[in-house]
Amino acid sequence: MAGSSFGHLFRITTFGESHGGAVGVVIDGVTPGLELSEADIQKELDRRKPGQNFITTPRQETDEVHIMSGVFEGKTTGTPILLILYNKDARPSAYDDIKDKFRPGHADFTYLKKYGIRDYRGSGRASGRETAGRVAAGAVAKKLLARRGVQIIAYTTRAAGIACTTFDESVIEQNPLRACDLKAAKAMEERLRQLQEEQDSAGGIVECRVRGLPAG
């Protein structure tokens, strides 16, 4: 299928299914000599992992990353880096009753029409679980860019119709929505709890800032 590989100089290929044995990523193009540890990657994965609060999926995954290749004695070797996360809360049998049904709002029908096959176990590749590999790769890219003085931050500016009116970078990690305005974050959280009780959903806006990137 298309959409599993990205990049040119820094290339990644994610793998694995939502309720398969594992998910992960292969990264190629990382220069040798970059100091890299599992802790560097784990920090970013911990920010993403499910089961943290009421706005995330209740699925319980440790998302513990394992560096299988491309790093020796704490430094990259310049060869492909394989990062793997074993699924601890995979429950494929939970989807047996819908294996012949299409779920509204999911990629079940479109996936089958496009590829002629579908993995009904949580949509297989067409699942939020696939993003774990992207986050792991992003952690490596973040370290590479930091060596050149490039910093990247992202945060929520709007959710459930409530917008941030101020920007305070220090509060981003202090609220579950990672909003840049603590007052707005509390209002967003209250509104989302209401929507959850109503079994409804809402959209939002995420903003990303890149600092130190050379012009051109």
N, C-alpha and C. Protein backbone atom coordinates (compact mmCIF):
# COMPACT_ATOMS: atom_id res chain seq x y z
N MET A 1 0.83 -1.20 0.00
CA MET A 1 0.00 0.00 0.00
C MET A 1 0.87 1.24 0.00
N ALA A 2 0.34 2.32 -0.53
CA ALA A 2 1.06 3.59 -0.51
C ALA A 2 0.93 4.23 0.86
N GLY A 3 1.82 5.18 1.15
CA GLY A 3 1.69 5.92 2.39
C GLY A 3 2.45 5.35 3.56
N SER A 4 3.27 4.32 3.35
CA SER A 4 4.05 3.75 4.45
C SER A 4 5.47 4.30 4.49
N SER A 5 5.93 4.88 3.37
CA SER A 5 7.29 5.41 3.29
C SER A 5 7.27 6.89 2.95
N PHE A 6 8.15 7.64 3.60
CA PHE A 6 8.21 9.09 3.40
C PHE A 6 9.67 9.54 3.37
N GLY A 7 9.90 10.66 2.68
CA GLY A 7 11.19 11.31 2.76
C GLY A 7 12.15 10.97 1.64
N HIS A 8 13.23 11.75 1.58
CA HIS A 8 14.27 11.56 0.58
C HIS A 8 15.62 11.42 1.26
N LEU A 9 16.14 12.50 1.82
CA LEU A 9 17.41 12.41 2.54
C LEU A 9 17.24 11.68 3.86
N PHE A 10 16.16 11.97 4.55
CA PHE A 10 15.79 11.29 5.79
C PHE A 10 14.55 10.47 5.46
N ARG A 11 14.71 9.15 5.37
CA ARG A 11 13.63 8.30 4.87
C ARG A 11 13.09 7.38 5.97
N ILE A 12 11.79 7.27 6.05
CA ILE A 12 11.19 6.39 7.04
C ILE A 12 10.17 5.47 6.39
N THR A 13 10.05 4.28 6.93
CA THR A 13 9.01 3.34 6.54
C THR A 13 8.41 2.76 7.81
N THR A 14 7.13 3.03 8.04
CA THR A 14 6.47 2.48 9.23
C THR A 14 5.92 1.09 8.91
N PHE A 15 5.76 0.29 9.96
CA PHE A 15 5.24 -1.07 9.76
C PHE A 15 4.38 -1.48 10.95
N GLY A 16 3.62 -2.55 10.75
CA GLY A 16 2.82 -3.11 11.83
C GLY A 16 1.35 -2.75 11.75
N GLU A 17 0.53 -3.54 12.44
CA GLU A 17 -0.91 -3.33 12.46
C GLU A 17 -1.39 -3.06 13.88
N SER A 18 -2.56 -2.44 13.97
CA SER A 18 -3.12 -2.04 15.26
C SER A 18 -3.19 -3.20 16.26
N HIS A 19 -3.67 -4.35 15.82
CA HIS A 19 -3.81 -5.49 16.72
C HIS A 19 -2.95 -6.67 16.26
N GLY A 20 -1.82 -6.35 15.64
CA GLY A 20 -0.83 -7.35 15.29
C GLY A 20 0.20 -7.47 16.41
N GLY A 21 1.34 -8.04 16.10
CA GLY A 21 2.35 -8.27 17.13
C GLY A 21 3.11 -7.03 17.56
N ALA A 22 3.32 -6.10 16.62
CA ALA A 22 4.12 -4.93 16.93
C ALA A 22 3.91 -3.85 15.88
N VAL A 23 4.36 -2.65 16.21
CA VAL A 23 4.42 -1.55 15.25
C VAL A 23 5.82 -0.94 15.36
N GLY A 24 6.19 -0.16 14.36
CA GLY A 24 7.51 0.44 14.43
C GLY A 24 7.88 1.17 13.16
N VAL A 25 9.19 1.40 13.01
CA VAL A 25 9.66 2.19 11.88
C VAL A 25 11.10 1.83 11.54
N VAL A 26 11.42 1.91 10.27
CA VAL A 26 12.81 1.80 9.79
C VAL A 26 13.20 3.19 9.29
N ILE A 27 14.32 3.69 9.78
CA ILE A 27 14.80 5.03 9.40
C ILE A 27 16.12 4.88 8.66
N ASP A 28 16.21 5.50 7.50
CA ASP A 28 17.45 5.48 6.72
C ASP A 28 17.85 6.92 6.41
N GLY A 29 19.15 7.17 6.38
CA GLY A 29 19.63 8.51 6.06
C GLY A 29 20.14 9.28 7.26
N VAL A 30 20.19 8.65 8.42
CA VAL A 30 20.71 9.32 9.62
C VAL A 30 22.24 9.27 9.58
N THR A 31 22.86 10.40 9.71
CA THR A 31 24.32 10.47 9.66
C THR A 31 24.93 9.73 10.85
N PRO A 32 26.12 9.16 10.68
CA PRO A 32 26.76 8.46 11.80
C PRO A 32 27.25 9.44 12.86
N GLY A 33 27.33 8.95 14.09
CA GLY A 33 27.89 9.75 15.17
C GLY A 33 26.88 10.52 16.00
N LEU A 34 25.59 10.42 15.67
CA LEU A 34 24.57 11.10 16.47
C LEU A 34 24.31 10.31 17.74
N GLU A 35 24.44 10.97 18.89
CA GLU A 35 24.14 10.30 20.16
C GLU A 35 22.64 10.03 20.23
N LEU A 36 22.29 8.76 20.41
CA LEU A 36 20.88 8.39 20.40
C LEU A 36 20.64 7.22 21.34
N SER A 37 19.66 7.38 22.22
CA SER A 37 19.31 6.33 23.16
C SER A 37 17.82 6.05 23.09
N GLU A 38 17.41 4.93 23.66
CA GLU A 38 15.99 4.62 23.72
C GLU A 38 15.24 5.66 24.55
N ALA A 39 15.92 6.22 25.55
CA ALA A 39 15.30 7.24 26.40
C ALA A 39 14.95 8.49 25.60
N ASP A 40 15.79 8.84 24.62
CA ASP A 40 15.51 10.01 23.76
C ASP A 40 14.19 9.82 23.02
N ILE A 41 13.97 8.63 22.53
CA ILE A 41 12.77 8.33 21.75
C ILE A 41 11.57 8.11 22.67
N GLN A 42 11.82 7.45 23.81
CA GLN A 42 10.74 7.15 24.74
C GLN A 42 10.05 8.40 25.25
N LYS A 43 10.82 9.46 25.44
CA LYS A 43 10.26 10.72 25.94
C LYS A 43 9.13 11.22 25.04
N GLU A 44 9.34 11.11 23.73
CA GLU A 44 8.31 11.57 22.79
C GLU A 44 7.15 10.57 22.71
N LEU A 45 7.46 9.29 22.78
CA LEU A 45 6.41 8.27 22.73
C LEU A 45 5.51 8.34 23.96
N ASP A 46 6.08 8.69 25.11
CA ASP A 46 5.28 8.80 26.33
C ASP A 46 4.26 9.94 26.22
N ARG A 47 4.60 10.95 25.45
CA ARG A 47 3.66 12.06 25.24
C ARG A 47 2.50 11.63 24.35
N ARG A 48 2.73 10.64 23.52
CA ARG A 48 1.72 10.17 22.57
C ARG A 48 0.89 9.00 23.08
N LYS A 49 1.44 8.18 23.94
CA LYS A 49 0.84 6.87 24.22
C LYS A 49 -0.59 6.95 24.75
N PRO A 50 -1.38 5.91 24.45
CA PRO A 50 -2.80 5.90 24.83
C PRO A 50 -3.00 5.69 26.33
N GLY A 51 -4.24 5.94 26.77
CA GLY A 51 -4.60 5.68 28.15
C GLY A 51 -4.14 6.72 29.15
N GLN A 52 -3.70 7.89 28.68
CA GLN A 52 -3.18 8.92 29.59
C GLN A 52 -4.29 9.68 30.30
N ASN A 53 -5.38 9.94 29.60
CA ASN A 53 -6.46 10.74 30.17
C ASN A 53 -7.76 10.47 29.40
N PHE A 54 -8.80 11.20 29.75
CA PHE A 54 -10.12 10.91 29.19
C PHE A 54 -10.26 11.22 27.70
N ILE A 55 -9.35 12.01 27.14
CA ILE A 55 -9.49 12.36 25.73
C ILE A 55 -8.71 11.42 24.80
N THR A 56 -8.01 10.47 25.38
CA THR A 56 -7.27 9.51 24.55
C THR A 56 -8.00 8.17 24.54
N THR A 57 -7.58 7.28 23.66
CA THR A 57 -8.16 5.95 23.62
C THR A 57 -7.88 5.23 24.95
N PRO A 58 -8.83 4.43 25.45
CA PRO A 58 -8.61 3.72 26.71
C PRO A 58 -7.64 2.54 26.58
N ARG A 59 -7.22 2.24 25.38
CA ARG A 59 -6.28 1.14 25.19
C ARG A 59 -5.02 1.37 26.03
N GLN A 60 -4.54 0.32 26.67
CA GLN A 60 -3.38 0.42 27.54
C GLN A 60 -2.14 -0.17 26.85
N GLU A 61 -1.25 0.70 26.42
CA GLU A 61 -0.01 0.27 25.78
C GLU A 61 1.17 0.96 26.46
N THR A 62 2.22 0.21 26.75
CA THR A 62 3.41 0.81 27.35
C THR A 62 4.21 1.60 26.32
N ASP A 63 4.08 1.21 25.06
CA ASP A 63 4.82 1.86 23.97
C ASP A 63 6.31 1.93 24.26
N GLU A 64 6.84 0.87 24.80
CA GLU A 64 8.27 0.81 25.11
C GLU A 64 9.06 0.54 23.82
N VAL A 65 9.96 1.46 23.49
CA VAL A 65 10.69 1.35 22.24
C VAL A 65 11.96 0.53 22.41
N HIS A 66 12.29 -0.24 21.38
CA HIS A 66 13.52 -1.03 21.36
C HIS A 66 14.29 -0.67 20.09
N ILE A 67 15.55 -0.27 20.26
CA ILE A 67 16.43 0.00 19.11
C ILE A 67 17.06 -1.32 18.71
N MET A 68 16.72 -1.80 17.52
CA MET A 68 17.19 -3.11 17.08
C MET A 68 18.43 -3.04 16.19
N SER A 69 18.65 -1.89 15.56
CA SER A 69 19.82 -1.78 14.67
C SER A 69 20.15 -0.31 14.44
N GLY A 70 21.34 -0.07 13.90
CA GLY A 70 21.73 1.28 13.50
C GLY A 70 22.33 2.13 14.59
N VAL A 71 22.44 1.59 15.81
CA VAL A 71 23.04 2.33 16.92
C VAL A 71 24.01 1.40 17.64
N PHE A 72 25.22 1.89 17.87
CA PHE A 72 26.25 1.10 18.56
C PHE A 72 26.95 1.99 19.57
N GLU A 73 27.00 1.50 20.81
CA GLU A 73 27.63 2.23 21.91
C GLU A 73 27.09 3.65 22.03
N GLY A 74 25.76 3.76 21.85
CA GLY A 74 25.08 5.04 22.07
C GLY A 74 25.15 6.03 20.93
N LYS A 75 25.70 5.61 19.78
CA LYS A 75 25.79 6.52 18.63
C LYS A 75 25.31 5.82 17.36
N THR A 76 24.72 6.62 16.47
CA THR A 76 24.25 6.06 15.20
C THR A 76 25.44 5.64 14.34
N THR A 77 25.23 4.60 13.55
CA THR A 77 26.32 4.08 12.70
C THR A 77 26.19 4.52 11.25
N GLY A 78 25.07 5.16 10.92
CA GLY A 78 24.85 5.57 9.53
C GLY A 78 24.08 4.54 8.73
N THR A 79 23.79 3.41 9.35
CA THR A 79 23.02 2.35 8.70
C THR A 79 21.55 2.46 9.14
N PRO A 80 20.63 1.75 8.47
CA PRO A 80 19.22 1.85 8.83
C PRO A 80 18.96 1.55 10.31
N ILE A 81 18.11 2.37 10.90
CA ILE A 81 17.74 2.22 12.31
C ILE A 81 16.36 1.58 12.37
N LEU A 82 16.27 0.46 13.06
CA LEU A 82 14.99 -0.22 13.24
C LEU A 82 14.51 0.01 14.68
N LEU A 83 13.33 0.61 14.80
CA LEU A 83 12.71 0.85 16.10
C LEU A 83 11.42 0.04 16.16
N ILE A 84 11.24 -0.73 17.22
CA ILE A 84 10.06 -1.58 17.33
C ILE A 84 9.37 -1.39 18.67
N LEU A 85 8.04 -1.42 18.65
CA LEU A 85 7.22 -1.32 19.85
C LEU A 85 6.25 -2.51 19.83
N TYR A 86 6.39 -3.40 20.78
CA TYR A 86 5.52 -4.58 20.82
C TYR A 86 4.15 -4.20 21.38
N ASN A 87 3.11 -4.68 20.72
CA ASN A 87 1.74 -4.42 21.19
C ASN A 87 1.44 -5.29 22.41
N LYS A 88 1.12 -4.65 23.52
CA LYS A 88 0.83 -5.37 24.77
C LYS A 88 -0.67 -5.52 25.01
N ASP A 89 -1.46 -4.68 24.36
CA ASP A 89 -2.91 -4.70 24.59
C ASP A 89 -3.67 -4.99 23.30
N ALA A 90 -3.08 -5.83 22.47
CA ALA A 90 -3.74 -6.21 21.22
C ALA A 90 -4.84 -7.22 21.52
N ARG A 91 -6.03 -6.96 21.01
CA ARG A 91 -7.17 -7.85 21.23
C ARG A 91 -7.91 -8.09 19.91
N PRO A 92 -7.31 -8.80 19.00
CA PRO A 92 -7.92 -9.00 17.68
C PRO A 92 -9.29 -9.66 17.73
N SER A 93 -9.51 -10.55 18.71
CA SER A 93 -10.79 -11.26 18.79
C SER A 93 -11.95 -10.33 19.11
N ALA A 94 -11.65 -9.14 19.65
CA ALA A 94 -12.71 -8.18 19.98
C ALA A 94 -13.42 -7.67 18.74
N TYR A 95 -12.81 -7.91 17.57
CA TYR A 95 -13.38 -7.41 16.32
C TYR A 95 -14.04 -8.51 15.49
N ASP A 96 -14.11 -9.72 16.04
CA ASP A 96 -14.68 -10.84 15.29
C ASP A 96 -16.12 -10.59 14.85
N ASP A 97 -16.90 -9.90 15.69
CA ASP A 97 -18.31 -9.72 15.37
C ASP A 97 -18.56 -8.67 14.29
N ILE A 98 -17.51 -7.92 13.92
CA ILE A 98 -17.70 -6.91 12.86
C ILE A 98 -16.82 -7.20 11.64
N LYS A 99 -16.28 -8.40 11.57
CA LYS A 99 -15.38 -8.68 10.45
C LYS A 99 -16.06 -8.61 9.09
N ASP A 100 -17.38 -8.72 9.08
CA ASP A 100 -18.13 -8.63 7.83
C ASP A 100 -18.97 -7.37 7.76
N LYS A 101 -18.63 -6.40 8.61
CA LYS A 101 -19.38 -5.14 8.64
C LYS A 101 -18.42 -3.97 8.45
N PHE A 102 -18.93 -2.89 7.87
CA PHE A 102 -18.13 -1.68 7.69
C PHE A 102 -18.53 -0.66 8.76
N ARG A 103 -17.54 -0.10 9.44
CA ARG A 103 -17.82 0.89 10.48
C ARG A 103 -17.85 2.30 9.88
N PRO A 104 -18.88 3.06 10.18
CA PRO A 104 -18.94 4.46 9.69
C PRO A 104 -17.77 5.26 10.26
N GLY A 105 -17.21 6.12 9.42
CA GLY A 105 -16.14 6.99 9.90
C GLY A 105 -14.77 6.34 9.94
N HIS A 106 -14.66 5.09 9.50
CA HIS A 106 -13.38 4.40 9.47
C HIS A 106 -12.98 4.14 8.02
N ALA A 107 -11.79 3.60 7.84
CA ALA A 107 -11.28 3.36 6.49
C ALA A 107 -11.63 1.96 5.98
N ASP A 108 -12.51 1.26 6.69
CA ASP A 108 -12.83 -0.12 6.32
C ASP A 108 -13.26 -0.27 4.85
N PHE A 109 -14.29 0.46 4.46
CA PHE A 109 -14.84 0.31 3.11
C PHE A 109 -13.87 0.82 2.04
N THR A 110 -13.31 2.01 2.25
CA THR A 110 -12.40 2.58 1.25
C THR A 110 -11.13 1.75 1.10
N TYR A 111 -10.64 1.18 2.20
CA TYR A 111 -9.45 0.34 2.14
C TYR A 111 -9.72 -0.90 1.28
N LEU A 112 -10.88 -1.52 1.52
CA LEU A 112 -11.23 -2.71 0.74
C LEU A 112 -11.39 -2.39 -0.74
N LYS A 113 -12.03 -1.26 -1.04
CA LYS A 113 -12.23 -0.88 -2.44
C LYS A 113 -10.91 -0.57 -3.14
N LYS A 114 -9.98 0.02 -2.40
CA LYS A 114 -8.72 0.41 -3.02
C LYS A 114 -7.74 -0.75 -3.16
N TYR A 115 -7.65 -1.59 -2.12
CA TYR A 115 -6.62 -2.63 -2.11
C TYR A 115 -7.16 -4.05 -2.27
N GLY A 116 -8.50 -4.21 -2.20
CA GLY A 116 -9.08 -5.53 -2.38
C GLY A 116 -8.94 -6.43 -1.17
N ILE A 117 -8.51 -5.89 -0.06
CA ILE A 117 -8.34 -6.65 1.18
C ILE A 117 -8.47 -5.66 2.33
N ARG A 118 -8.88 -6.17 3.49
CA ARG A 118 -8.92 -5.28 4.65
C ARG A 118 -8.65 -6.08 5.91
N ASP A 119 -8.00 -5.43 6.86
CA ASP A 119 -7.73 -6.01 8.17
C ASP A 119 -8.77 -5.43 9.12
N TYR A 120 -9.74 -6.24 9.50
CA TYR A 120 -10.83 -5.73 10.34
C TYR A 120 -10.42 -5.55 11.81
N ARG A 121 -9.23 -6.00 12.18
CA ARG A 121 -8.77 -5.88 13.57
C ARG A 121 -8.34 -4.43 13.87
N GLY A 122 -9.31 -3.61 14.19
CA GLY A 122 -8.98 -2.21 14.48
C GLY A 122 -8.49 -1.46 13.27
N SER A 123 -8.85 -1.90 12.09
CA SER A 123 -8.48 -1.28 10.81
C SER A 123 -7.03 -1.53 10.40
N GLY A 124 -6.32 -2.37 11.14
CA GLY A 124 -4.96 -2.73 10.73
C GLY A 124 -4.01 -1.55 10.63
N ARG A 125 -3.58 -1.24 9.42
CA ARG A 125 -2.67 -0.11 9.20
C ARG A 125 -3.40 1.22 9.27
N ALA A 126 -4.69 1.22 8.96
CA ALA A 126 -5.46 2.46 8.94
C ALA A 126 -5.96 2.77 10.36
N SER A 127 -5.02 2.85 11.28
CA SER A 127 -5.32 3.04 12.69
C SER A 127 -4.39 4.08 13.29
N GLY A 128 -4.84 4.73 14.34
CA GLY A 128 -3.99 5.69 15.04
C GLY A 128 -2.75 5.03 15.61
N ARG A 129 -2.80 3.72 15.79
CA ARG A 129 -1.64 2.99 16.32
C ARG A 129 -0.44 3.13 15.39
N GLU A 130 -0.69 3.27 14.11
CA GLU A 130 0.40 3.39 13.13
C GLU A 130 1.26 4.62 13.39
N THR A 131 0.69 5.63 14.03
CA THR A 131 1.43 6.88 14.25
C THR A 131 2.55 6.73 15.27
N ALA A 132 2.56 5.64 16.03
CA ALA A 132 3.64 5.43 17.00
C ALA A 132 5.00 5.39 16.29
N GLY A 133 5.04 4.74 15.13
CA GLY A 133 6.28 4.69 14.36
C GLY A 133 6.70 6.06 13.86
N ARG A 134 5.73 6.87 13.49
CA ARG A 134 6.04 8.22 13.01
C ARG A 134 6.60 9.09 14.13
N VAL A 135 6.02 8.93 15.32
CA VAL A 135 6.51 9.70 16.47
C VAL A 135 7.94 9.29 16.82
N ALA A 136 8.20 7.99 16.78
CA ALA A 136 9.55 7.50 17.07
C ALA A 136 10.56 8.07 16.06
N ALA A 137 10.18 8.07 14.79
CA ALA A 137 11.05 8.64 13.76
C ALA A 137 11.23 10.14 13.96
N GLY A 138 10.15 10.80 14.37
CA GLY A 138 10.21 12.24 14.62
C GLY A 138 11.16 12.58 15.75
N ALA A 139 11.25 11.70 16.74
CA ALA A 139 12.18 11.93 17.85
C ALA A 139 13.62 11.93 17.37
N VAL A 140 13.92 11.04 16.42
CA VAL A 140 15.27 10.98 15.86
C VAL A 140 15.53 12.22 15.00
N ALA A 141 14.56 12.60 14.18
CA ALA A 141 14.70 13.79 13.34
C ALA A 141 14.89 15.04 14.20
N LYS A 142 14.19 15.08 15.32
CA LYS A 142 14.28 16.22 16.24
C LYS A 142 15.70 16.37 16.78
N LYS A 143 16.34 15.24 17.10
CA LYS A 143 17.72 15.29 17.58
C LYS A 143 18.68 15.75 16.49
N LEU A 144 18.45 15.28 15.27
CA LEU A 144 19.29 15.70 14.15
C LEU A 144 19.18 17.21 13.92
N LEU A 145 17.97 17.72 13.94
CA LEU A 145 17.73 19.15 13.71
C LEU A 145 18.27 20.00 14.85
N ALA A 146 18.19 19.48 16.07
CA ALA A 146 18.69 20.23 17.23
C ALA A 146 20.19 20.50 17.11
N ARG A 147 20.91 19.59 16.46
CA ARG A 147 22.35 19.80 16.26
C ARG A 147 22.63 21.01 15.39
N ARG A 148 21.64 21.39 14.59
CA ARG A 148 21.78 22.55 13.71
C ARG A 148 21.04 23.77 14.26
N GLY A 149 20.63 23.67 15.51
CA GLY A 149 19.98 24.81 16.15
C GLY A 149 18.52 24.99 15.79
N VAL A 150 17.89 23.95 15.25
CA VAL A 150 16.48 24.03 14.88
C VAL A 150 15.62 23.46 16.01
N GLN A 151 14.64 24.23 16.44
CA GLN A 151 13.72 23.80 17.49
C GLN A 151 12.30 23.77 16.95
N ILE A 152 11.55 22.76 17.36
CA ILE A 152 10.17 22.59 16.89
C ILE A 152 9.24 22.37 18.08
N ILE A 153 8.15 23.13 18.12
CA ILE A 153 7.13 22.90 19.14
C ILE A 153 5.76 22.89 18.46
N ALA A 154 4.84 22.16 19.04
CA ALA A 154 3.46 22.12 18.53
C ALA A 154 2.51 22.16 19.71
N TYR A 155 1.32 22.69 19.48
CA TYR A 155 0.37 22.88 20.57
C TYR A 155 -1.02 23.08 19.99
N THR A 156 -2.02 22.92 20.83
CA THR A 156 -3.41 23.12 20.42
C THR A 156 -3.78 24.59 20.57
N THR A 157 -4.39 25.15 19.54
CA THR A 157 -4.85 26.54 19.61
C THR A 157 -6.37 26.64 19.66
N ARG A 158 -7.04 25.54 19.29
CA ARG A 158 -8.51 25.56 19.29
C ARG A 158 -9.03 24.13 19.39
N ALA A 159 -10.07 23.94 20.19
CA ALA A 159 -10.71 22.63 20.30
C ALA A 159 -12.15 22.81 20.75
N ALA A 160 -13.04 22.06 20.16
CA ALA A 160 -14.46 22.08 20.52
C ALA A 160 -15.05 23.49 20.48
N GLY A 161 -14.58 24.30 19.54
CA GLY A 161 -15.11 25.65 19.37
C GLY A 161 -14.53 26.68 20.31
N ILE A 162 -13.57 26.29 21.14
CA ILE A 162 -12.94 27.21 22.10
C ILE A 162 -11.51 27.48 21.65
N ALA A 163 -11.17 28.76 21.53
CA ALA A 163 -9.85 29.15 21.02
C ALA A 163 -8.96 29.74 22.10
N CYS A 164 -7.67 29.53 21.96
CA CYS A 164 -6.69 30.15 22.86
C CYS A 164 -6.59 31.63 22.49
N THR A 165 -6.49 32.48 23.50
CA THR A 165 -6.37 33.92 23.26
C THR A 165 -4.99 34.44 23.62
N THR A 166 -4.19 33.60 24.29
CA THR A 166 -2.82 33.97 24.63
C THR A 166 -1.89 32.82 24.27
N PHE A 167 -0.59 33.11 24.23
CA PHE A 167 0.40 32.06 23.97
C PHE A 167 1.40 32.03 25.12
N ASP A 168 1.45 30.90 25.82
CA ASP A 168 2.39 30.71 26.92
C ASP A 168 3.00 29.32 26.75
N GLU A 169 4.21 29.28 26.26
CA GLU A 169 4.86 28.00 25.98
C GLU A 169 5.02 27.15 27.23
N SER A 170 5.15 27.79 28.38
CA SER A 170 5.41 27.06 29.63
C SER A 170 4.23 26.21 30.10
N VAL A 171 3.03 26.47 29.59
CA VAL A 171 1.85 25.73 30.06
C VAL A 171 1.45 24.59 29.13
N ILE A 172 2.13 24.46 28.01
CA ILE A 172 1.75 23.45 27.02
C ILE A 172 1.74 22.04 27.59
N GLU A 173 2.73 21.72 28.40
CA GLU A 173 2.81 20.37 28.97
C GLU A 173 2.07 20.25 30.30
N GLN A 174 1.33 21.28 30.68
CA GLN A 174 0.62 21.28 31.96
C GLN A 174 -0.85 20.94 31.83
N ASN A 175 -1.32 20.66 30.63
CA ASN A 175 -2.73 20.32 30.43
C ASN A 175 -2.85 19.20 29.41
N PRO A 176 -3.89 18.37 29.53
CA PRO A 176 -4.01 17.19 28.66
C PRO A 176 -4.18 17.50 27.18
N LEU A 177 -4.67 18.70 26.86
CA LEU A 177 -4.85 19.06 25.46
C LEU A 177 -3.59 19.70 24.87
N ARG A 178 -2.61 19.96 25.72
CA ARG A 178 -1.38 20.66 25.32
C ARG A 178 -1.71 21.96 24.60
N ALA A 179 -2.62 22.71 25.20
CA ALA A 179 -2.99 24.02 24.68
C ALA A 179 -2.01 25.06 25.20
N CYS A 180 -1.88 26.17 24.46
CA CYS A 180 -0.92 27.21 24.83
C CYS A 180 -1.54 28.28 25.73
N ASP A 181 -2.78 28.08 26.13
CA ASP A 181 -3.50 29.02 26.99
C ASP A 181 -4.20 28.17 28.05
N LEU A 182 -3.75 28.29 29.32
CA LEU A 182 -4.25 27.42 30.37
C LEU A 182 -5.74 27.64 30.66
N LYS A 183 -6.18 28.89 30.61
CA LYS A 183 -7.58 29.19 30.85
C LYS A 183 -8.46 28.55 29.76
N ALA A 184 -8.02 28.70 28.53
CA ALA A 184 -8.77 28.10 27.42
C ALA A 184 -8.73 26.58 27.50
N ALA A 185 -7.60 26.03 27.95
CA ALA A 185 -7.46 24.58 28.06
C ALA A 185 -8.49 24.00 29.02
N LYS A 186 -8.73 24.70 30.13
CA LYS A 186 -9.72 24.22 31.11
C LYS A 186 -11.12 24.26 30.51
N ALA A 187 -11.42 25.30 29.75
CA ALA A 187 -12.73 25.41 29.10
C ALA A 187 -12.89 24.32 28.04
N MET A 188 -11.82 24.05 27.30
CA MET A 188 -11.85 22.99 26.29
C MET A 188 -12.14 21.64 26.95
N GLU A 189 -11.45 21.40 28.06
CA GLU A 189 -11.61 20.12 28.76
C GLU A 189 -13.05 19.94 29.24
N GLU A 190 -13.63 20.99 29.80
CA GLU A 190 -15.02 20.93 30.27
C GLU A 190 -15.98 20.64 29.11
N ARG A 191 -15.75 21.32 28.00
CA ARG A 191 -16.61 21.13 26.83
C ARG A 191 -16.48 19.71 26.27
N LEU A 192 -15.27 19.19 26.25
CA LEU A 192 -15.05 17.85 25.73
C LEU A 192 -15.70 16.79 26.62
N ARG A 193 -15.70 17.04 27.92
CA ARG A 193 -16.37 16.11 28.84
C ARG A 193 -17.88 16.10 28.56
N GLN A 194 -18.43 17.27 28.27
CA GLN A 194 -19.85 17.35 27.93
C GLN A 194 -20.15 16.56 26.65
N LEU A 195 -19.29 16.75 25.66
CA LEU A 195 -19.47 16.05 24.39
C LEU A 195 -19.34 14.54 24.57
N GLN A 196 -18.45 14.14 25.46
CA GLN A 196 -18.26 12.72 25.72
C GLN A 196 -19.54 12.12 26.31
N GLU A 197 -20.16 12.84 27.22
CA GLU A 197 -21.42 12.38 27.82
C GLU A 197 -22.53 12.30 26.77
N GLU A 198 -22.46 13.21 25.80
CA GLU A 198 -23.46 13.23 24.73
C GLU A 198 -23.12 12.26 23.60
N GLN A 199 -21.98 11.57 23.76
CA GLN A 199 -21.48 10.64 22.74
C GLN A 199 -21.27 11.34 21.40
N ASP A 200 -20.72 12.54 21.49
CA ASP A 200 -20.44 13.34 20.31
C ASP A 200 -18.94 13.61 20.24
N SER A 201 -18.51 14.26 19.19
CA SER A 201 -17.09 14.57 19.01
C SER A 201 -16.92 15.99 18.51
N ALA A 202 -15.68 16.45 18.48
CA ALA A 202 -15.40 17.81 18.01
C ALA A 202 -14.00 17.86 17.41
N GLY A 203 -13.78 18.84 16.56
CA GLY A 203 -12.48 19.01 15.94
C GLY A 203 -11.64 20.05 16.66
N GLY A 204 -10.48 20.33 16.11
CA GLY A 204 -9.59 21.30 16.72
C GLY A 204 -8.52 21.75 15.75
N ILE A 205 -7.65 22.63 16.22
CA ILE A 205 -6.55 23.15 15.40
C ILE A 205 -5.25 23.02 16.18
N VAL A 206 -4.25 22.45 15.54
CA VAL A 206 -2.92 22.33 16.12
C VAL A 206 -1.96 23.22 15.33
N GLU A 207 -1.18 24.00 16.04
CA GLU A 207 -0.21 24.89 15.39
C GLU A 207 1.20 24.38 15.68
N CYS A 208 2.08 24.53 14.71
CA CYS A 208 3.47 24.09 14.86
C CYS A 208 4.40 25.26 14.55
N ARG A 209 5.40 25.45 15.40
CA ARG A 209 6.39 26.51 15.19
C ARG A 209 7.78 25.90 15.04
N VAL A 210 8.49 26.37 14.04
CA VAL A 210 9.87 25.92 13.80
C VAL A 210 10.78 27.13 13.96
N ARG A 211 11.77 27.01 14.83
CA ARG A 211 12.69 28.11 15.08
C ARG A 211 14.11 27.71 14.67
N GLY A 212 14.82 28.66 14.11
CA GLY A 212 16.21 28.43 13.76
C GLY A 212 16.44 27.78 12.42
N LEU A 213 15.38 27.65 11.62
CA LEU A 213 15.53 27.03 10.30
C LEU A 213 16.08 28.05 9.31
N PRO A 214 17.19 27.75 8.65
CA PRO A 214 17.77 28.72 7.71
C PRO A 214 16.81 29.04 6.56
N ALA A 215 16.83 30.26 6.11
CA ALA A 215 15.98 30.66 4.99
C ALA A 215 16.36 29.89 3.73
N GLY A 216 15.35 29.50 2.95
CA GLY A 216 15.60 28.80 1.70
C GLY A 216 15.59 27.30 1.81
